[in-house]
């Protein structure tokens, strides 16, 4: 299982718009054939901080996600909302196993 933790810091005035754009990306991403999870997490003590937990069956499936129209639309829509560049941290998902 290929997991990416995407850390995002959003400008305070853009939080609601970011959530709306990310909801659309989430709803399309969970329909991708290689997607196992696509969770959107917001930090309780700082609502400008988010983590996207993206789990795919393989690195190839995760790469295919980056080629979708919904990802490109999200990337372009939220670019100006970010207070700093987003940071993706790739992880190997061990448990639970993808099989």
Protein backbone atom coordinates (compact mmCIF):
# COMPACT_ATOMS: atom_id res chain seq x y z
CA UNK A 1 0.00 0.00 0.00
CA UNK A 2 1.33 3.43 -0.96
CA UNK A 3 0.37 6.25 1.41
CA UNK A 4 1.08 9.96 1.15
CA UNK A 5 0.52 12.38 4.02
CA UNK A 6 0.03 15.80 2.46
CA UNK A 7 0.56 18.61 4.98
CA UNK A 8 -1.20 21.85 4.05
CA UNK A 9 -1.29 25.25 5.75
CA UNK A 10 -4.04 27.49 4.41
CA UNK A 11 -4.47 31.24 4.75
CA UNK A 12 -7.07 31.93 7.48
CA UNK A 13 -9.45 33.68 5.11
CA UNK A 14 -9.36 30.70 2.71
CA UNK A 15 -10.22 27.85 5.09
CA UNK A 16 -13.84 27.41 3.99
CA UNK A 17 -13.01 27.67 0.28
CA UNK A 18 -10.16 25.18 0.75
CA UNK A 19 -12.50 22.72 2.45
CA UNK A 20 -15.03 23.05 -0.38
CA UNK A 21 -12.41 22.51 -3.09
CA UNK A 22 -10.88 19.61 -1.18
CA UNK A 23 -14.30 18.00 -0.67
CA UNK A 24 -14.76 17.89 -4.46
CA UNK A 25 -11.30 16.36 -4.90
CA UNK A 26 -11.98 13.82 -2.14
CA UNK A 27 -15.32 12.76 -3.64
CA UNK A 28 -13.72 12.09 -7.03
CA UNK A 29 -10.54 10.54 -5.62
CA UNK A 30 -12.35 7.85 -3.63
CA UNK A 31 -13.89 6.69 -6.93
CA UNK A 32 -10.47 6.00 -8.51
CA UNK A 33 -9.88 2.26 -9.03
CA UNK A 34 -6.59 2.19 -7.07
CA UNK A 35 -7.76 4.33 -4.15
CA UNK A 36 -8.07 2.73 -0.72
CA UNK A 37 -8.59 5.88 1.40
CA UNK A 38 -8.60 9.61 0.93
CA UNK A 39 -9.11 11.26 4.31
CA UNK A 40 -9.13 15.01 4.90
CA UNK A 41 -8.05 15.96 8.43
CA UNK A 42 -8.13 19.40 10.06
CA UNK A 43 -6.03 20.23 13.11
CA UNK A 44 -8.38 21.03 16.03
CA UNK A 45 -6.23 23.72 17.65
CA UNK A 46 -5.28 25.40 14.34
CA UNK A 47 -8.02 25.23 11.70
CA UNK A 48 -5.62 26.46 9.01
CA UNK A 49 -3.65 23.19 9.15
CA UNK A 50 -4.72 20.10 7.26
CA UNK A 51 -3.40 16.64 6.48
CA UNK A 52 -4.65 14.70 3.49
CA UNK A 53 -4.21 10.96 4.06
CA UNK A 54 -4.07 9.36 0.62
CA UNK A 55 -3.78 5.56 0.40
CA UNK A 56 -3.48 3.76 -2.93
CA UNK A 57 -2.85 0.14 -3.83
CA UNK A 58 0.49 1.06 -5.42
CA UNK A 59 2.82 3.92 -6.25
CA UNK A 60 1.54 3.67 -9.83
CA UNK A 61 -2.06 4.18 -8.68
CA UNK A 62 -0.96 7.19 -6.63
CA UNK A 63 0.85 8.59 -9.68
CA UNK A 64 -2.28 8.04 -11.79
CA UNK A 65 -4.20 10.18 -9.29
CA UNK A 66 -1.92 13.10 -10.17
CA UNK A 67 -2.99 12.75 -13.83
CA UNK A 68 -6.73 13.13 -13.16
CA UNK A 69 -8.73 16.20 -14.08
CA UNK A 70 -10.12 16.50 -10.54
CA UNK A 71 -6.61 16.59 -9.04
CA UNK A 72 -5.47 19.26 -11.53
CA UNK A 73 -8.59 21.33 -10.79
CA UNK A 74 -7.96 21.04 -7.01
CA UNK A 75 -4.23 21.87 -7.36
CA UNK A 76 -4.95 24.97 -9.43
CA UNK A 77 -7.91 26.08 -7.30
CA UNK A 78 -6.12 25.89 -3.94
CA UNK A 79 -2.71 27.17 -5.04
CA UNK A 80 -3.36 30.76 -3.94
CA UNK A 81 -5.09 29.63 -0.73
CA UNK A 82 -1.94 28.14 0.76
CA UNK A 83 0.08 30.05 3.33
CA UNK A 84 3.12 27.92 2.44
CA UNK A 85 3.86 25.19 -0.11
CA UNK A 86 2.12 21.90 0.64
CA UNK A 87 4.38 19.05 1.66
CA UNK A 88 3.74 15.43 0.65
CA UNK A 89 5.43 12.74 2.71
CA UNK A 90 5.36 9.29 1.06
CA UNK A 91 4.89 6.34 3.41
CA UNK A 92 4.72 2.56 3.13
CA UNK A 93 1.39 1.38 4.50
CA UNK A 94 2.04 -1.73 6.57
CA UNK A 95 -1.10 -2.32 8.64
CA UNK A 96 -3.78 -2.96 7.77
CA UNK A 97 -2.48 -4.67 4.66
CA UNK A 98 -3.99 -3.71 1.32
CA UNK A 99 -4.81 -7.35 0.48
